Full PDB file with SEQRES, HELIX, SHEET, SSBOND, CRYST1, ORIGX, SCALE, CONECT and MASTER records, all heavy atoms in Angstrom:
SEQRES   1 A   32  LEU LEU VAL ALA GLU LYS VAL ARG LYS GLU PHE GLY GLY          
SEQRES   2 A   32  LEU VAL ALA THR ASP ASP VAL ASP PHE THR ILE PRO ARG          
SEQRES   3 A   32  GLY ALA VAL VAL SER LEU                                      
SHEET    1 AA1 2 LEU A   2  PHE A  11  0                                        
SHEET    2 AA1 2 LEU A  14  ILE A  24 -1                                        
CRYST1    1.000    1.000    1.000  90.00  90.00  90.00 P 1           1          
ORIGX1      1.000000  0.000000  0.000000        0.00000                         
ORIGX2      0.000000  1.000000  0.000000        0.00000                         
ORIGX3      0.000000  0.000000  1.000000        0.00000                         
SCALE1      1.000000  0.000000  0.000000        0.00000                         
SCALE2      0.000000  1.000000  0.000000        0.00000                         
SCALE3      0.000000  0.000000  1.000000        0.00000                         
ATOM      1  N   LEU A   1      60.430  23.079  44.012  1.00  0.00           N  
ATOM      2  CA  LEU A   1      59.868  22.317  45.125  1.00  0.00           C  
ATOM      3  C   LEU A   1      60.967  21.897  46.061  1.00  0.00           C  
ATOM      4  O   LEU A   1      60.793  21.839  47.282  1.00  0.00           O  
ATOM      5  CB  LEU A   1      59.263  20.977  44.530  1.00  0.00           C  
ATOM      6  CG  LEU A   1      58.609  20.121  45.480  1.00  0.00           C  
ATOM      7  CD1 LEU A   1      57.487  20.699  46.235  1.00  0.00           C  
ATOM      8  CD2 LEU A   1      58.051  18.860  44.687  1.00  0.00           C  
ATOM      9  N   LEU A   2      62.182  21.695  45.640  1.00  0.00           N  
ATOM     10  CA  LEU A   2      63.349  21.318  46.401  1.00  0.00           C  
ATOM     11  C   LEU A   2      64.538  22.124  46.054  1.00  0.00           C  
ATOM     12  O   LEU A   2      64.882  22.336  44.892  1.00  0.00           O  
ATOM     13  CB  LEU A   2      63.636  19.864  46.324  1.00  0.00           C  
ATOM     14  CG  LEU A   2      64.737  19.344  47.226  1.00  0.00           C  
ATOM     15  CD1 LEU A   2      64.345  17.983  47.933  1.00  0.00           C  
ATOM     16  CD2 LEU A   2      66.106  19.181  46.565  1.00  0.00           C  
ATOM     17  N   VAL A   3      65.260  22.605  47.077  1.00  0.00           N  
ATOM     18  CA  VAL A   3      66.455  23.366  46.910  1.00  0.00           C  
ATOM     19  C   VAL A   3      67.485  22.828  47.832  1.00  0.00           C  
ATOM     20  O   VAL A   3      67.287  22.750  48.987  1.00  0.00           O  
ATOM     21  CB  VAL A   3      66.286  24.817  47.177  1.00  0.00           C  
ATOM     22  CG1 VAL A   3      67.571  25.597  47.075  1.00  0.00           C  
ATOM     23  CG2 VAL A   3      65.215  25.486  46.400  1.00  0.00           C  
ATOM     24  N   ALA A   4      68.658  22.311  47.261  1.00  0.00           N  
ATOM     25  CA  ALA A   4      69.765  21.815  48.060  1.00  0.00           C  
ATOM     26  C   ALA A   4      70.875  22.789  47.842  1.00  0.00           C  
ATOM     27  O   ALA A   4      71.302  23.093  46.657  1.00  0.00           O  
ATOM     28  CB  ALA A   4      70.135  20.406  47.570  1.00  0.00           C  
ATOM     29  N   GLU A   5      71.476  23.264  48.963  1.00  0.00           N  
ATOM     30  CA  GLU A   5      72.560  24.244  48.819  1.00  0.00           C  
ATOM     31  C   GLU A   5      73.840  23.786  49.480  1.00  0.00           C  
ATOM     32  O   GLU A   5      73.841  23.346  50.633  1.00  0.00           O  
ATOM     33  CB  GLU A   5      72.206  25.501  49.519  1.00  0.00           C  
ATOM     34  CG  GLU A   5      70.939  26.275  48.977  1.00  0.00           C  
ATOM     35  CD  GLU A   5      70.437  27.387  49.773  1.00  0.00           C  
ATOM     36  OE1 GLU A   5      70.821  27.366  50.995  1.00  0.00           O  
ATOM     37  OE2 GLU A   5      69.596  28.194  49.304  1.00  0.00           O  
ATOM     38  N   LYS A   6      74.889  23.627  48.723  1.00  0.00           N  
ATOM     39  CA  LYS A   6      76.251  23.253  49.172  1.00  0.00           C  
ATOM     40  C   LYS A   6      76.097  21.938  49.989  1.00  0.00           C  
ATOM     41  O   LYS A   6      76.797  21.893  51.069  1.00  0.00           O  
ATOM     42  CB  LYS A   6      76.866  24.382  49.981  1.00  0.00           C  
ATOM     43  CG  LYS A   6      76.973  25.680  49.228  1.00  0.00           C  
ATOM     44  CD  LYS A   6      78.324  25.605  48.377  1.00  0.00           C  
ATOM     45  CE  LYS A   6      78.658  26.889  47.557  1.00  0.00           C  
ATOM     46  NZ  LYS A   6      77.993  26.833  46.278  1.00  0.00           N  
ATOM     47  N   VAL A   7      75.448  20.962  49.539  1.00  0.00           N  
ATOM     48  CA  VAL A   7      75.292  19.794  50.188  1.00  0.00           C  
ATOM     49  C   VAL A   7      76.544  18.876  50.064  1.00  0.00           C  
ATOM     50  O   VAL A   7      76.952  18.498  48.916  1.00  0.00           O  
ATOM     51  CB  VAL A   7      73.964  19.015  49.735  1.00  0.00           C  
ATOM     52  CG1 VAL A   7      73.916  17.566  50.333  1.00  0.00           C  
ATOM     53  CG2 VAL A   7      72.802  19.779  50.105  1.00  0.00           C  
ATOM     54  N   ARG A   8      77.024  18.462  51.227  1.00  0.00           N  
ATOM     55  CA  ARG A   8      78.242  17.667  51.275  1.00  0.00           C  
ATOM     56  C   ARG A   8      78.049  16.496  52.156  1.00  0.00           C  
ATOM     57  O   ARG A   8      77.403  16.560  53.259  1.00  0.00           O  
ATOM     58  CB  ARG A   8      79.342  18.655  51.851  1.00  0.00           C  
ATOM     59  CG  ARG A   8      80.759  18.016  51.908  1.00  0.00           C  
ATOM     60  CD  ARG A   8      81.705  19.043  52.478  1.00  0.00           C  
ATOM     61  NE  ARG A   8      83.045  18.623  52.445  1.00  0.00           N  
ATOM     62  CZ  ARG A   8      83.850  18.821  51.431  1.00  0.00           C  
ATOM     63  NH1 ARG A   8      83.423  19.341  50.328  1.00  0.00           N  
ATOM     64  NH2 ARG A   8      85.132  18.380  51.484  1.00  0.00           N  
ATOM     65  N   LYS A   9      78.583  15.411  51.788  1.00  0.00           N  
ATOM     66  CA  LYS A   9      78.574  14.204  52.657  1.00  0.00           C  
ATOM     67  C   LYS A   9      79.985  13.551  52.646  1.00  0.00           C  
ATOM     68  O   LYS A   9      80.536  13.223  51.529  1.00  0.00           O  
ATOM     69  CB  LYS A   9      77.604  13.160  52.096  1.00  0.00           C  
ATOM     70  CG  LYS A   9      77.528  11.881  53.066  1.00  0.00           C  
ATOM     71  CD  LYS A   9      77.025  12.248  54.471  1.00  0.00           C  
ATOM     72  CE  LYS A   9      76.992  11.058  55.410  1.00  0.00           C  
ATOM     73  NZ  LYS A   9      76.697  11.433  56.745  1.00  0.00           N  
ATOM     74  N   GLU A  10      80.571  13.363  53.831  1.00  0.00           N  
ATOM     75  CA  GLU A  10      81.897  12.751  53.978  1.00  0.00           C  
ATOM     76  C   GLU A  10      81.651  11.502  54.834  1.00  0.00           C  
ATOM     77  O   GLU A  10      80.935  11.447  55.790  1.00  0.00           O  
ATOM     78  CB  GLU A  10      82.829  13.643  54.737  1.00  0.00           C  
ATOM     79  CG  GLU A  10      83.182  14.998  53.997  1.00  0.00           C  
ATOM     80  CD  GLU A  10      83.992  15.956  54.792  1.00  0.00           C  
ATOM     81  OE1 GLU A  10      84.532  15.498  55.829  1.00  0.00           O  
ATOM     82  OE2 GLU A  10      84.142  17.086  54.375  1.00  0.00           O  
ATOM     83  N   PHE A  11      82.350  10.367  54.350  1.00  0.00           N  
ATOM     84  CA  PHE A  11      82.379   9.108  55.122  1.00  0.00           C  
ATOM     85  C   PHE A  11      83.884   8.975  55.483  1.00  0.00           C  
ATOM     86  O   PHE A  11      84.694   8.593  54.666  1.00  0.00           O  
ATOM     87  CB  PHE A  11      81.938   7.949  54.296  1.00  0.00           C  
ATOM     88  CG  PHE A  11      80.446   7.961  53.892  1.00  0.00           C  
ATOM     89  CD1 PHE A  11      80.074   8.445  52.618  1.00  0.00           C  
ATOM     90  CD2 PHE A  11      79.490   7.659  54.825  1.00  0.00           C  
ATOM     91  CE1 PHE A  11      78.785   8.563  52.264  1.00  0.00           C  
ATOM     92  CE2 PHE A  11      78.108   7.762  54.338  1.00  0.00           C  
ATOM     93  CZ  PHE A  11      77.825   8.200  53.098  1.00  0.00           C  
ATOM     94  N   GLY A  12      84.160   9.276  56.778  1.00  0.00           N  
ATOM     95  CA  GLY A  12      85.572   9.227  57.184  1.00  0.00           C  
ATOM     96  C   GLY A  12      86.265  10.360  56.438  1.00  0.00           C  
ATOM     97  O   GLY A  12      85.815  11.575  56.417  1.00  0.00           O  
ATOM     98  N   GLY A  13      87.331  10.004  55.636  1.00  0.00           N  
ATOM     99  CA  GLY A  13      88.019  11.084  54.874  1.00  0.00           C  
ATOM    100  C   GLY A  13      87.511  11.050  53.488  1.00  0.00           C  
ATOM    101  O   GLY A  13      87.941  11.959  52.672  1.00  0.00           O  
ATOM    102  N   LEU A  14      86.571  10.266  53.091  1.00  0.00           N  
ATOM    103  CA  LEU A  14      86.093  10.118  51.707  1.00  0.00           C  
ATOM    104  C   LEU A  14      84.892  11.176  51.463  1.00  0.00           C  
ATOM    105  O   LEU A  14      83.955  11.124  52.211  1.00  0.00           O  
ATOM    106  CB  LEU A  14      85.604   8.754  51.346  1.00  0.00           C  
ATOM    107  CG  LEU A  14      84.931   8.537  50.001  1.00  0.00           C  
ATOM    108  CD1 LEU A  14      86.067   8.652  48.856  1.00  0.00           C  
ATOM    109  CD2 LEU A  14      84.202   7.268  49.936  1.00  0.00           C  
ATOM    110  N   VAL A  15      85.021  12.032  50.496  1.00  0.00           N  
ATOM    111  CA  VAL A  15      83.985  12.967  50.116  1.00  0.00           C  
ATOM    112  C   VAL A  15      83.084  12.286  49.137  1.00  0.00           C  
ATOM    113  O   VAL A  15      83.445  12.022  47.977  1.00  0.00           O  
ATOM    114  CB  VAL A  15      84.533  14.272  49.585  1.00  0.00           C  
ATOM    115  CG1 VAL A  15      83.387  15.227  49.213  1.00  0.00           C  
ATOM    116  CG2 VAL A  15      85.373  14.899  50.652  1.00  0.00           C  
ATOM    117  N   ALA A  16      81.918  11.975  49.498  1.00  0.00           N  
ATOM    118  CA  ALA A  16      80.917  11.277  48.616  1.00  0.00           C  
ATOM    119  C   ALA A  16      80.108  12.271  47.730  1.00  0.00           C  
ATOM    120  O   ALA A  16      79.903  11.996  46.512  1.00  0.00           O  
ATOM    121  CB  ALA A  16      79.947  10.360  49.291  1.00  0.00           C  
ATOM    122  N   THR A  17      79.656  13.348  48.314  1.00  0.00           N  
ATOM    123  CA  THR A  17      79.103  14.498  47.521  1.00  0.00           C  
ATOM    124  C   THR A  17      79.796  15.770  47.983  1.00  0.00           C  
ATOM    125  O   THR A  17      79.967  16.039  49.139  1.00  0.00           O  
ATOM    126  CB  THR A  17      77.643  14.646  47.661  1.00  0.00           C  
ATOM    127  OG1 THR A  17      77.295  14.754  49.061  1.00  0.00           O  
ATOM    128  CG2 THR A  17      76.851  13.394  47.165  1.00  0.00           C  
ATOM    129  N   ASP A  18      80.225  16.587  46.995  1.00  0.00           N  
ATOM    130  CA  ASP A  18      81.079  17.753  47.294  1.00  0.00           C  
ATOM    131  C   ASP A  18      80.451  19.085  47.021  1.00  0.00           C  
ATOM    132  O   ASP A  18      80.420  19.471  45.889  1.00  0.00           O  
ATOM    133  CB  ASP A  18      82.411  17.554  46.340  1.00  0.00           C  
ATOM    134  CG  ASP A  18      83.514  18.568  46.877  1.00  0.00           C  
ATOM    135  OD1 ASP A  18      83.292  19.285  47.822  1.00  0.00           O  
ATOM    136  OD2 ASP A  18      84.539  18.401  46.260  1.00  0.00           O  
ATOM    137  N   ASP A  19      79.820  19.607  48.112  1.00  0.00           N  
ATOM    138  CA  ASP A  19      79.188  20.980  47.983  1.00  0.00           C  
ATOM    139  C   ASP A  19      78.243  21.053  46.726  1.00  0.00           C  
ATOM    140  O   ASP A  19      78.379  22.004  45.869  1.00  0.00           O  
ATOM    141  CB  ASP A  19      80.268  22.029  47.945  1.00  0.00           C  
ATOM    142  CG  ASP A  19      80.995  22.086  49.298  1.00  0.00           C  
ATOM    143  OD1 ASP A  19      80.607  21.434  50.229  1.00  0.00           O  
ATOM    144  OD2 ASP A  19      82.090  22.737  49.357  1.00  0.00           O  
ATOM    145  N   VAL A  20      77.249  20.230  46.649  1.00  0.00           N  
ATOM    146  CA  VAL A  20      76.364  20.174  45.456  1.00  0.00           C  
ATOM    147  C   VAL A  20      75.266  21.243  45.593  1.00  0.00           C  
ATOM    148  O   VAL A  20      74.535  21.079  46.620  1.00  0.00           O  
ATOM    149  CB  VAL A  20      75.830  18.720  45.207  1.00  0.00           C  
ATOM    150  CG1 VAL A  20      74.828  18.794  44.087  1.00  0.00           C  
ATOM    151  CG2 VAL A  20      76.947  17.780  44.882  1.00  0.00           C  
ATOM    152  N   ASP A  21      75.071  22.065  44.701  1.00  0.00           N  
ATOM    153  CA  ASP A  21      73.865  22.851  44.600  1.00  0.00           C  
ATOM    154  C   ASP A  21      72.883  22.192  43.647  1.00  0.00           C  
ATOM    155  O   ASP A  21      73.322  21.802  42.487  1.00  0.00           O  
ATOM    156  CB  ASP A  21      74.226  24.273  44.098  1.00  0.00           C  
ATOM    157  CG  ASP A  21      74.979  25.147  45.111  1.00  0.00           C  
ATOM    158  OD1 ASP A  21      74.624  25.016  46.293  1.00  0.00           O  
ATOM    159  OD2 ASP A  21      75.885  25.855  44.745  1.00  0.00           O  
ATOM    160  N   PHE A  22      71.616  22.102  44.052  1.00  0.00           N  
ATOM    161  CA  PHE A  22      70.757  21.376  43.123  1.00  0.00           C  
ATOM    162  C   PHE A  22      69.299  21.905  43.381  1.00  0.00           C  
ATOM    163  O   PHE A  22      68.892  22.064  44.625  1.00  0.00           O  
ATOM    164  CB  PHE A  22      70.913  19.904  43.552  1.00  0.00           C  
ATOM    165  CG  PHE A  22      70.031  18.945  42.771  1.00  0.00           C  
ATOM    166  CD1 PHE A  22      70.423  18.497  41.511  1.00  0.00           C  
ATOM    167  CD2 PHE A  22      68.896  18.456  43.319  1.00  0.00           C  
ATOM    168  CE1 PHE A  22      69.634  17.613  40.752  1.00  0.00           C  
ATOM    169  CE2 PHE A  22      68.071  17.508  42.576  1.00  0.00           C  
ATOM    170  CZ  PHE A  22      68.452  17.052  41.283  1.00  0.00           C  
ATOM    171  N   THR A  23      68.509  22.055  42.376  1.00  0.00           N  
ATOM    172  CA  THR A  23      67.140  22.477  42.592  1.00  0.00           C  
ATOM    173  C   THR A  23      66.208  21.507  41.681  1.00  0.00           C  
ATOM    174  O   THR A  23      66.613  20.976  40.642  1.00  0.00           O  
ATOM    175  CB  THR A  23      66.842  23.881  42.078  1.00  0.00           C  
ATOM    176  OG1 THR A  23      67.262  24.066  40.766  1.00  0.00           O  
ATOM    177  CG2 THR A  23      67.685  24.839  43.019  1.00  0.00           C  
ATOM    178  N   ILE A  24      64.980  21.287  42.168  1.00  0.00           N  
ATOM    179  CA  ILE A  24      64.045  20.583  41.399  1.00  0.00           C  
ATOM    180  C   ILE A  24      62.751  21.479  41.275  1.00  0.00           C  
ATOM    181  O   ILE A  24      62.034  21.849  42.234  1.00  0.00           O  
ATOM    182  CB  ILE A  24      63.601  19.291  42.110  1.00  0.00           C  
ATOM    183  CG1 ILE A  24      64.756  18.418  42.442  1.00  0.00           C  
ATOM    184  CG2 ILE A  24      62.565  18.475  41.299  1.00  0.00           C  
ATOM    185  CD1 ILE A  24      64.465  17.163  43.192  1.00  0.00           C  
ATOM    186  N   PRO A  25      62.567  21.990  40.005  1.00  0.00           N  
ATOM    187  CA  PRO A  25      61.278  22.766  39.688  1.00  0.00           C  
ATOM    188  C   PRO A  25      60.048  21.970  39.986  1.00  0.00           C  
ATOM    189  O   PRO A  25      60.012  20.851  39.662  1.00  0.00           O  
ATOM    190  CB  PRO A  25      61.525  23.154  38.225  1.00  0.00           C  
ATOM    191  CG  PRO A  25      62.949  22.964  37.860  1.00  0.00           C  
ATOM    192  CD  PRO A  25      63.404  21.798  38.772  1.00  0.00           C  
ATOM    193  N   ARG A  26      59.086  22.596  40.525  1.00  0.00           N  
ATOM    194  CA  ARG A  26      57.801  22.016  40.821  1.00  0.00           C  
ATOM    195  C   ARG A  26      57.188  21.488  39.522  1.00  0.00           C  
ATOM    196  O   ARG A  26      57.182  22.280  38.524  1.00  0.00           O  
ATOM    197  CB  ARG A  26      56.900  23.006  41.467  1.00  0.00           C  
ATOM    198  CG  ARG A  26      55.588  22.463  42.085  1.00  0.00           C  
ATOM    199  CD  ARG A  26      54.827  23.593  42.805  1.00  0.00           C  
ATOM    200  NE  ARG A  26      55.501  24.116  43.890  1.00  0.00           N  
ATOM    201  CZ  ARG A  26      55.381  23.611  45.141  1.00  0.00           C  
ATOM    202  NH1 ARG A  26      54.573  22.581  45.347  1.00  0.00           N  
ATOM    203  NH2 ARG A  26      55.952  24.148  46.153  1.00  0.00           N  
ATOM    204  N   GLY A  27      56.757  20.305  39.415  1.00  0.00           N  
ATOM    205  CA  GLY A  27      56.167  19.698  38.278  1.00  0.00           C  
ATOM    206  C   GLY A  27      57.071  19.109  37.218  1.00  0.00           C  
ATOM    207  O   GLY A  27      56.690  18.673  36.188  1.00  0.00           O  
ATOM    208  N   ALA A  28      58.404  19.225  37.489  1.00  0.00           N  
ATOM    209  CA  ALA A  28      59.370  18.684  36.486  1.00  0.00           C  
ATOM    210  C   ALA A  28      59.694  17.314  36.636  1.00  0.00           C  
ATOM    211  O   ALA A  28      59.525  16.636  37.662  1.00  0.00           O  
ATOM    212  CB  ALA A  28      60.639  19.556  36.586  1.00  0.00           C  
ATOM    213  N   VAL A  29      60.302  16.714  35.542  1.00  0.00           N  
ATOM    214  CA  VAL A  29      61.051  15.444  35.678  1.00  0.00           C  
ATOM    215  C   VAL A  29      62.507  15.783  35.446  1.00  0.00           C  
ATOM    216  O   VAL A  29      62.935  16.282  34.467  1.00  0.00           O  
ATOM    217  CB  VAL A  29      60.568  14.486  34.575  1.00  0.00           C  
ATOM    218  CG1 VAL A  29      61.391  13.200  34.617  1.00  0.00           C  
ATOM    219  CG2 VAL A  29      59.090  14.110  34.716  1.00  0.00           C  
ATOM    220  N   VAL A  30      63.254  15.469  36.595  1.00  0.00           N  
ATOM    221  CA  VAL A  30      64.661  15.745  36.594  1.00  0.00           C  
ATOM    222  C   VAL A  30      65.444  14.435  36.723  1.00  0.00           C  
ATOM    223  O   VAL A  30      65.074  13.535  37.511  1.00  0.00           O  
ATOM    224  CB  VAL A  30      65.090  16.720  37.805  1.00  0.00           C  
ATOM    225  CG1 VAL A  30      66.539  16.937  37.908  1.00  0.00           C  
ATOM    226  CG2 VAL A  30      64.342  18.041  37.594  1.00  0.00           C  
ATOM    227  N   SER A  31      66.500  14.295  35.934  1.00  0.00           N  
ATOM    228  CA  SER A  31      67.326  13.062  35.964  1.00  0.00           C  
ATOM    229  C   SER A  31      68.749  13.399  36.593  1.00  0.00           C  
ATOM    230  O   SER A  31      69.280  14.401  36.247  1.00  0.00           O  
ATOM    231  CB  SER A  31      67.435  12.409  34.607  1.00  0.00           C  
ATOM    232  OG  SER A  31      66.299  11.795  34.228  1.00  0.00           O  
ATOM    233  N   LEU A  32      69.147  12.522  37.359  1.00  0.00           N  
ATOM    234  CA  LEU A  32      70.547  12.580  37.997  1.00  0.00           C  
ATOM    235  C   LEU A  32      71.367  11.488  37.372  1.00  0.00           C  
ATOM    236  O   LEU A  32      70.931  10.336  37.498  1.00  0.00           O  
ATOM    237  CB  LEU A  32      70.462  12.481  39.529  1.00  0.00           C  
ATOM    238  CG  LEU A  32      71.609  12.852  40.339  1.00  0.00           C  
ATOM    239  CD1 LEU A  32      71.964  14.247  40.232  1.00  0.00           C  
ATOM    240  CD2 LEU A  32      71.213  12.513  41.807  1.00  0.00           C  
TER     241      LEU A  32                                                      
MASTER        0    0    0    0    2    0    0    6  240    1    0    3          
END                                                                             
């Protein structure tokens, strides 16, 4: 249902999420 590819978030020089690949199968319960 959801596909995240190389998702990165920087705040100034701080890397909060570093090139995260992540998928959520349709109908699943996924925990982070």
